[in-house]
Amino acid sequence: MQLPRMSILWSFLAVLGSGLVVNLATFMILALAPFMLPIEDFANLTLGVAAVMFLVIVLDLGLGITSTRQFAATRDPAYLSLSIKMRLAMFAALGSLAGGLSLWPEARPFAIALLAAATLNIWTGLRAVDQAREDFASFARASLLFSAARVAFAGVGLASGSWIAVMLGLFTAPVIAIAFFKSSDMLRTIKPKALSVATTSVRYARFVYMSAVCYGGLMALPTAIAGLRLDPVGIGTIGLASTFIGPVMLLNAAFRLVLLPRVAASETAMRPKLNRAQIAMAAALTLLCAAGAGVLGDMLYGQRFAMVGPVIGIMTAGVLATSILGLLNLDVHRIGAPSVEALTNLVRLMITAPILWLSGASVLALALAAAACLVLGEIVLFFRIKARSEPLWKGLVL
């Protein structure tokens, strides 16, 4: 399949640029929060944000990728309709539950996180609709509005000195603003009857959901193991490495957003031909970027965290290589075999967890084991997909 390169380029730049703005807005608020909130409130905010990020993965139910893949393959808007309707239904149910839980002071932090996650789940659904339609101009406009609303509402929350107001300003209020902005589009999207595609969606989404949760667990394992087995310096080192791989994750997400609907709609695989020299160049660039990240990390934090440079370099290299291989593995959605990815990621998680536990006595060993398991698992997934169909990038000359 020959893709229009400029179209992909501009789509990628729109997604990447708007994603950078959203992340910058979030960073600004969270960077100011320690100076403007009491320590206890900032701790609640930190835990709340972490809980929301996990709950959003849980609440997605695999619908984001499923609706994009099925719409790209069939052009049936009922798949998009089902996704939006289910998210609105979850918001109504979980919003009511959160309201009830908030009556108990002990449960209030969880209630706020639940409400924020249910609201943010609508936002991820609207983004999936734009992705499926490949309307990345609308995607970018909505992201810019979301960022502006996030800064405005969360800024008011900071000024009020309430961590709950900051949470609502970060997650709930911006989505309400987006809902008004895209209200006509939402009504148009949810018009078609969706029951006819529910069975197909559930059959596909269950594996997408399983895969997403397992992969999220893989990415969270190093921090979790560090928290259980390392001292505060080691935990901080892994935390800094997680921060440094953020830009890599953002680039990867932008590529996947643009490529997924095109891959899913294709009857044949994309076939850029790669020779040994090009593969070697890609590997060298990966190692160069990782080394640069490690040197920068050591310059900034080396005095307080002795092993931060090597750990950042190792984990950056692992995530970069995994991201590149992950783009190849998007072919799993072209052939409609999400069970291959789901079962592979489940086995990866089951194998990786004890390996990282055994490596957790040393921060360097933990980083090496985490990077190796990520890359090797993605290679295994590549060959499992290849066994089911031709690879996404056929013509690989070794």
Protein backbone atom coordinates (compact mmCIF):
# COMPACT_ATOMS: atom_id res chain seq x y z
CA MET A 1 0.00 0.00 0.00
CA GLN A 2 1.48 3.33 -1.03
CA LEU A 3 0.72 6.06 1.49
CA PRO A 4 0.59 9.79 0.63
CA ARG A 5 3.69 10.96 2.46
CA MET A 6 2.80 14.62 2.85
CA SER A 7 -0.61 13.68 4.20
CA ILE A 8 1.02 11.44 6.79
CA LEU A 9 3.62 14.09 7.60
CA TRP A 10 1.10 16.85 8.23
CA SER A 11 -1.19 14.52 10.15
CA PHE A 12 1.73 13.42 12.32
CA LEU A 13 2.81 17.02 12.94
CA ALA A 14 -0.75 18.03 13.88
CA VAL A 15 -1.06 15.15 16.34
CA LEU A 16 2.45 15.61 17.75
CA GLY A 17 2.17 19.39 18.07
CA SER A 18 -1.22 19.31 19.79
CA GLY A 19 -0.02 16.47 22.04
CA LEU A 20 2.98 18.55 23.08
CA VAL A 21 0.70 21.45 23.99
CA VAL A 22 -1.56 19.19 26.09
CA ASN A 23 1.45 17.71 27.90
CA LEU A 24 3.01 21.14 28.43
CA ALA A 25 -0.23 22.44 29.95
CA THR A 26 -0.33 19.47 32.32
CA PHE A 27 3.35 19.89 33.23
CA MET A 28 2.84 23.58 34.03
CA ILE A 29 0.03 22.84 36.46
CA LEU A 30 1.77 19.94 38.19
CA ALA A 31 5.06 21.86 38.39
CA LEU A 32 3.35 24.78 40.15
CA ALA A 33 1.24 22.62 42.45
CA PRO A 34 3.97 21.88 45.06
CA PHE A 35 4.44 25.63 45.59
CA MET A 36 0.73 26.51 45.84
CA LEU A 37 -0.82 23.56 47.70
CA PRO A 38 -0.21 22.23 51.23
CA ILE A 39 2.01 19.15 51.29
CA GLU A 40 -0.87 16.83 52.18
CA ASP A 41 -3.03 18.22 49.36
CA PHE A 42 -0.19 17.87 46.87
CA ALA A 43 0.24 14.24 47.93
CA ASN A 44 -3.48 13.68 47.33
CA LEU A 45 -3.20 15.35 43.92
CA THR A 46 -0.23 13.16 42.96
CA LEU A 47 -2.04 9.96 43.93
CA GLY A 48 -5.22 11.19 42.25
CA VAL A 49 -3.52 11.87 38.93
CA ALA A 50 -1.83 8.44 38.99
CA ALA A 51 -5.18 6.79 39.76
CA VAL A 52 -6.91 8.62 36.90
CA MET A 53 -4.26 7.53 34.40
CA PHE A 54 -4.77 3.88 35.36
CA LEU A 55 -8.57 4.10 35.55
CA VAL A 56 -8.77 5.57 32.05
CA ILE A 57 -7.07 2.45 30.68
CA VAL A 58 -9.55 0.29 32.59
CA LEU A 59 -12.61 2.28 31.48
CA ASP A 60 -11.63 2.37 27.81
CA LEU A 61 -12.59 -1.33 27.53
CA GLY A 62 -10.59 -1.56 24.31
CA LEU A 63 -13.18 0.58 22.50
CA GLY A 64 -10.74 3.22 21.25
CA ILE A 65 -8.70 0.92 19.04
CA THR A 66 -11.69 -1.30 18.22
CA SER A 67 -13.90 1.52 16.94
CA THR A 68 -11.02 2.97 14.91
CA ARG A 69 -10.11 -0.40 13.39
CA GLN A 70 -13.68 -1.45 12.61
CA PHE A 71 -14.68 1.92 11.14
CA ALA A 72 -11.55 1.99 8.98
CA ALA A 73 -12.31 -1.51 7.70
CA THR A 74 -16.08 -1.09 7.14
CA ARG A 75 -16.77 2.69 7.11
CA ASP A 76 -19.79 1.91 9.31
CA PRO A 77 -20.40 4.83 11.73
CA ALA A 78 -22.29 2.52 14.07
CA TYR A 79 -18.94 1.45 15.54
CA LEU A 80 -18.16 5.05 16.49
CA SER A 81 -21.71 5.44 17.82
CA LEU A 82 -21.37 2.42 20.09
CA SER A 83 -18.11 3.73 21.53
CA ILE A 84 -19.55 7.17 22.37
CA LYS A 85 -22.80 5.76 23.78
CA MET A 86 -20.98 3.35 26.07
CA ARG A 87 -18.68 6.09 27.37
CA LEU A 88 -21.64 8.39 28.08
CA ALA A 89 -23.44 5.55 29.87
CA MET A 90 -20.34 4.83 31.98
CA PHE A 91 -20.04 8.52 32.84
CA ALA A 92 -23.66 8.61 34.03
CA ALA A 93 -23.25 5.46 36.14
CA LEU A 94 -19.80 6.24 37.57
CA GLY A 95 -20.65 9.90 38.13
CA SER A 96 -23.60 8.83 40.29
CA LEU A 97 -21.39 6.34 42.13
CA ALA A 98 -18.74 9.01 42.71
CA GLY A 99 -21.39 11.36 44.08
CA GLY A 100 -22.49 8.74 46.58
CA LEU A 101 -18.95 7.87 47.62
CA SER A 102 -18.04 11.53 48.15
CA LEU A 103 -20.43 11.61 51.13
CA TRP A 104 -17.82 9.60 53.08
CA PRO A 105 -14.65 11.66 53.72
CA GLU A 106 -12.43 8.56 53.63
CA ALA A 107 -13.70 7.64 50.14
CA ARG A 108 -13.67 11.16 48.74
CA PRO A 109 -10.22 10.98 47.05
CA PHE A 110 -11.25 7.82 45.18
CA ALA A 111 -14.61 9.39 44.29
CA ILE A 112 -12.89 12.42 42.76
CA ALA A 113 -10.49 10.18 40.79
CA LEU A 114 -13.41 8.06 39.57
CA LEU A 115 -15.38 11.11 38.40
CA ALA A 116 -12.30 12.55 36.68
CA ALA A 117 -11.53 9.26 34.93
CA ALA A 118 -15.14 8.79 33.78
CA THR A 119 -15.10 12.30 32.31
CA LEU A 120 -11.69 11.89 30.69
CA ASN A 121 -12.94 8.64 29.16
CA ILE A 122 -15.38 10.72 27.06
CA TRP A 123 -12.43 12.81 25.85
CA THR A 124 -10.50 9.72 24.74
CA GLY A 125 -13.62 8.57 22.88
CA LEU A 126 -13.93 11.86 21.01
CA ARG A 127 -10.27 11.65 20.07
CA ALA A 128 -10.82 8.11 18.78
CA VAL A 129 -13.67 9.37 16.55
CA ASP A 130 -11.38 11.99 14.98
CA GLN A 131 -8.66 9.36 14.61
CA ALA A 132 -10.99 6.90 12.90
CA ARG A 133 -12.17 9.57 10.46
CA GLU A 134 -8.56 10.71 10.00
CA ASP A 135 -9.76 14.23 10.78
CA PHE A 136 -6.53 15.28 12.43
CA ALA A 137 -7.26 18.99 11.95
CA SER A 138 -10.29 18.60 14.23
CA PHE A 139 -8.13 16.45 16.53
CA ALA A 140 -5.57 19.24 16.83
CA ARG A 141 -8.18 22.00 17.34
CA ALA A 142 -9.88 20.04 20.11
CA SER A 143 -6.52 19.33 21.78
CA LEU A 144 -5.59 23.03 21.75
CA LEU A 145 -8.95 23.97 23.26
CA PHE A 146 -8.56 21.21 25.85
CA SER A 147 -5.11 22.57 26.78
CA ALA A 148 -6.37 26.14 27.14
CA ALA A 149 -9.31 24.98 29.27
CA ARG A 150 -7.02 22.81 31.38
CA VAL A 151 -4.67 25.72 32.14
CA ALA A 152 -7.57 28.08 32.91
CA PHE A 153 -9.65 25.78 35.13
CA ALA A 154 -6.75 24.05 36.89
CA GLY A 155 -5.11 27.45 37.39
CA VAL A 156 -8.23 28.60 39.21
CA GLY A 157 -8.03 25.40 41.25
CA LEU A 158 -4.45 26.18 42.23
CA ALA A 159 -5.40 29.71 43.22
CA SER A 160 -8.16 28.32 45.44
CA GLY A 161 -5.64 26.07 47.22
CA SER A 162 -7.83 22.97 46.82
CA TRP A 163 -6.43 19.75 45.32
CA ILE A 164 -9.99 18.68 44.45
CA ALA A 165 -10.49 21.86 42.42
CA VAL A 166 -7.19 21.21 40.63
CA MET A 167 -8.27 17.64 39.79
CA LEU A 168 -11.59 18.83 38.40
CA GLY A 169 -9.80 21.58 36.50
CA LEU A 170 -7.31 19.13 34.99
CA PHE A 171 -9.80 16.49 33.89
CA THR A 172 -13.51 17.29 34.24
CA ALA A 173 -13.97 20.95 33.30
CA PRO A 174 -11.90 20.78 30.07
CA VAL A 175 -13.95 17.81 28.83
CA ILE A 176 -17.18 19.72 29.47
CA ALA A 177 -15.76 22.57 27.37
CA ILE A 178 -14.85 20.12 24.61
CA ALA A 179 -18.33 18.55 24.78
CA PHE A 180 -19.91 21.94 24.04
CA PHE A 181 -17.38 22.57 21.26
CA LYS A 182 -18.10 19.22 19.62
CA SER A 183 -21.77 18.83 20.64
CA SER A 184 -23.12 18.83 17.08
CA ASP A 185 -20.52 16.30 16.03
CA MET A 186 -21.37 14.09 19.03
CA LEU A 187 -25.08 14.14 18.18
CA ARG A 188 -24.30 13.27 14.57
CA THR A 189 -22.03 10.44 15.70
CA ILE A 190 -24.48 8.80 18.10
CA LYS A 191 -27.42 8.95 15.68
CA PRO A 192 -26.94 5.58 13.93
CA LYS A 193 -28.18 2.46 15.70
CA ALA A 194 -25.26 0.68 17.29
CA LEU A 195 -26.83 -2.57 18.52
CA SER A 196 -26.15 -4.30 15.22
CA VAL A 197 -22.40 -3.96 15.72
CA ALA A 198 -22.25 -4.55 19.48
CA THR A 199 -21.40 -8.23 19.18
CA THR A 200 -18.63 -7.60 16.67
CA SER A 201 -17.20 -4.81 18.80
CA VAL A 202 -17.24 -6.83 22.02
CA ARG A 203 -15.62 -9.79 20.29
CA TYR A 204 -12.77 -7.57 19.08
CA ALA A 205 -12.54 -5.16 22.02
CA ARG A 206 -12.10 -7.85 24.69
CA PHE A 207 -8.70 -8.76 23.25
CA VAL A 208 -7.70 -5.12 22.69
CA TYR A 209 -8.62 -4.40 26.30
CA MET A 210 -6.68 -7.38 27.62
CA SER A 211 -3.66 -6.36 25.56
CA ALA A 212 -3.78 -2.72 26.71
CA VAL A 213 -4.04 -3.62 30.40
CA CYS A 214 -1.19 -6.14 30.15
CA TYR A 215 1.03 -3.70 28.26
CA GLY A 216 0.23 -0.96 30.77
CA GLY A 217 1.28 -3.39 33.48
CA LEU A 218 4.55 -4.06 31.66
CA MET A 219 5.35 -0.34 31.55
CA ALA A 220 4.44 0.12 35.23
CA LEU A 221 6.39 -2.91 36.50
CA PRO A 222 9.83 -1.24 36.86
CA THR A 223 8.42 1.51 39.09
CA ALA A 224 6.36 -0.97 41.11
CA ILE A 225 9.31 -3.33 41.64
CA ALA A 226 11.58 -0.40 42.50
CA GLY A 227 9.08 0.74 45.13
CA LEU A 228 9.13 -2.70 46.72
CA ARG A 229 12.83 -3.55 46.50
CA LEU A 230 14.98 -0.42 46.19
CA ASP A 231 15.90 2.45 48.50
CA PRO A 232 14.62 6.01 47.87
CA VAL A 233 17.59 6.81 45.61
CA GLY A 234 16.87 3.77 43.44
CA ILE A 235 13.16 4.59 43.30
CA GLY A 236 13.97 8.16 42.29
CA THR A 237 16.37 6.91 39.60
CA ILE A 238 13.68 4.74 38.01
CA GLY A 239 11.19 7.59 38.34
CA LEU A 240 13.52 9.97 36.51
CA ALA A 241 14.04 7.38 33.76
CA SER A 242 10.26 7.12 33.40
CA THR A 243 10.10 10.89 33.01
CA PHE A 244 12.82 10.88 30.33
CA ILE A 245 11.03 8.26 28.21
CA GLY A 246 7.92 10.47 28.14
CA PRO A 247 8.88 12.19 24.84
CA VAL A 248 9.49 8.79 23.23
CA MET A 249 6.02 7.66 24.31
CA LEU A 250 4.52 10.86 22.90
CA LEU A 251 6.21 10.34 19.52
CA ASN A 252 5.09 6.73 19.47
CA ALA A 253 1.50 7.68 20.29
CA ALA A 254 1.47 10.28 17.49
CA PHE A 255 2.71 7.77 14.91
CA ARG A 256 0.19 5.14 16.03
CA LEU A 257 -2.70 7.61 15.93
CA VAL A 258 -1.94 8.51 12.32
CA LEU A 259 -1.04 5.05 11.04
CA LEU A 260 -3.67 2.84 12.71
CA PRO A 261 -6.70 3.85 10.59
CA ARG A 262 -4.64 3.58 7.40
CA VAL A 263 -3.26 0.17 8.29
CA ALA A 264 -6.67 -1.15 9.37
CA ALA A 265 -8.30 -0.01 6.12
CA SER A 266 -5.61 -1.54 3.92
CA GLU A 267 -6.02 -4.87 2.17
CA THR A 268 -2.28 -5.20 1.70
CA ALA A 269 0.66 -4.43 3.92
CA MET A 270 2.79 -1.33 3.60
CA ARG A 271 6.08 -2.40 2.04
CA PRO A 272 9.04 -0.08 2.47
CA LYS A 273 12.16 -2.09 1.70
CA LEU A 274 14.83 -2.04 4.37
CA ASN A 275 18.33 -3.36 3.87
CA ARG A 276 21.05 -4.10 6.40
CA ALA A 277 22.55 -0.62 6.16
CA GLN A 278 19.21 1.06 6.91
CA ILE A 279 18.56 -1.27 9.83
CA ALA A 280 22.06 -0.58 11.18
CA MET A 281 21.45 3.17 10.81
CA ALA A 282 18.17 2.91 12.73
CA ALA A 283 19.91 0.94 15.49
CA ALA A 284 22.74 3.48 15.64
CA LEU A 285 20.31 6.40 15.88
CA THR A 286 18.43 4.61 18.66
CA LEU A 287 21.64 4.09 20.63
CA LEU A 288 22.75 7.67 19.95
CA CYS A 289 19.46 9.11 21.24
CA ALA A 290 19.63 6.84 24.28
CA ALA A 291 23.22 7.85 25.00
CA GLY A 292 22.29 11.53 24.68
CA ALA A 293 19.42 11.09 27.12
CA GLY A 294 21.72 9.30 29.55
CA VAL A 295 24.38 12.01 29.40
CA LEU A 296 21.77 14.74 29.91
CA GLY A 297 20.26 12.88 32.84
CA ASP A 298 23.68 12.43 34.44
CA MET A 299 24.48 16.12 34.01
CA LEU A 300 21.22 17.20 35.65
CA TYR A 301 20.83 14.60 38.40
CA GLY A 302 24.10 12.65 38.64
CA GLN A 303 25.21 14.20 41.92
CA ARG A 304 22.09 13.03 43.75
CA PHE A 305 21.41 9.82 41.80
CA ALA A 306 24.69 8.04 41.00
CA MET A 307 23.35 5.56 38.40
CA VAL A 308 20.81 7.83 36.75
CA GLY A 309 22.77 8.28 33.49
CA PRO A 310 23.16 4.58 32.60
CA VAL A 311 19.61 3.76 33.74
CA ILE A 312 18.08 6.53 31.63
CA GLY A 313 20.17 5.46 28.62
CA ILE A 314 19.21 1.80 28.96
CA MET A 315 15.50 2.40 29.44
CA THR A 316 15.36 4.99 26.66
CA ALA A 317 17.01 2.54 24.25
CA GLY A 318 14.58 -0.20 25.26
CA VAL A 319 11.48 1.94 24.84
CA LEU A 320 12.72 3.39 21.51
CA ALA A 321 13.36 -0.07 20.07
CA THR A 322 10.04 -1.35 21.40
CA SER A 323 8.19 1.62 19.88
CA ILE A 324 9.73 1.04 16.44
CA LEU A 325 8.88 -2.66 16.54
CA GLY A 326 5.41 -1.77 17.83
CA LEU A 327 4.71 0.22 14.67
CA LEU A 328 5.51 -2.88 12.64
CA ASN A 329 3.14 -4.85 14.84
CA LEU A 330 0.19 -2.59 14.00
CA ASP A 331 -0.40 -5.15 11.26
CA VAL A 332 -2.25 -7.20 13.88
CA HIS A 333 -5.21 -4.86 13.29
CA ARG A 334 -4.99 -5.13 9.50
CA ILE A 335 -5.42 -8.90 9.71
CA GLY A 336 -7.97 -8.56 12.53
CA ALA A 337 -6.18 -10.82 15.02
CA PRO A 338 -6.03 -8.89 18.33
CA SER A 339 -6.00 -12.18 20.25
CA VAL A 340 -2.42 -12.74 19.06
CA GLU A 341 -1.29 -9.47 20.65
CA ALA A 342 -3.40 -9.96 23.79
CA LEU A 343 -2.14 -13.45 24.58
CA THR A 344 1.45 -12.48 23.80
CA ASN A 345 1.27 -9.47 26.13
CA LEU A 346 -0.28 -11.60 28.87
CA VAL A 347 2.59 -14.10 28.64
CA ARG A 348 5.08 -11.20 28.51
CA LEU A 349 3.65 -9.80 31.74
CA MET A 350 3.71 -13.20 33.47
CA ILE A 351 7.34 -13.81 32.49
CA THR A 352 8.60 -10.26 33.01
CA ALA A 353 7.24 -9.84 36.56
CA PRO A 354 9.40 -12.55 38.21
CA ILE A 355 12.45 -11.58 36.13
CA LEU A 356 12.22 -7.97 37.31
CA TRP A 357 11.62 -9.10 40.88
CA LEU A 358 14.79 -11.17 40.81
CA SER A 359 16.69 -8.24 39.24
CA GLY A 360 15.26 -5.67 41.64
CA ALA A 361 18.13 -5.67 44.14
CA SER A 362 20.12 -3.42 41.78
CA VAL A 363 18.71 -0.42 39.93
CA LEU A 364 21.03 -1.06 36.96
CA ALA A 365 20.04 -4.73 36.74
CA LEU A 366 16.37 -3.76 36.98
CA ALA A 367 16.72 -1.30 34.10
CA LEU A 368 18.59 -3.83 31.94
CA ALA A 369 16.04 -6.57 32.62
CA ALA A 370 13.09 -4.24 31.93
CA ALA A 371 14.53 -3.01 28.61
CA ALA A 372 15.50 -6.52 27.47
CA CYS A 373 12.09 -7.98 28.31
CA LEU A 374 10.29 -5.17 26.47
CA VAL A 375 12.32 -5.56 23.28
CA LEU A 376 12.39 -9.36 23.24
CA GLY A 377 8.64 -9.49 23.84
CA GLU A 378 7.98 -7.16 20.91
CA ILE A 379 10.21 -9.31 18.67
CA VAL A 380 8.26 -12.42 19.67
CA LEU A 381 5.01 -10.60 18.87
CA PHE A 382 6.38 -9.61 15.45
CA PHE A 383 7.09 -13.21 14.51
CA ARG A 384 3.75 -14.41 15.88
CA ILE A 385 1.96 -11.89 13.65
CA LYS A 386 4.17 -12.89 10.74
CA ALA A 387 3.10 -16.50 11.25
CA ARG A 388 -0.54 -15.42 10.82
CA SER A 389 0.00 -13.19 7.81
CA GLU A 390 2.63 -11.34 5.86
CA PRO A 391 4.44 -8.76 8.01
CA LEU A 392 3.49 -5.10 7.92
CA TRP A 393 6.82 -4.16 6.32
CA LYS A 394 7.42 -6.87 3.77
CA GLY A 395 10.66 -6.77 1.84
CA LEU A 396 12.90 -6.79 4.87
CA VAL A 397 16.25 -7.93 3.50
CA LEU A 398 18.61 -9.40 6.12
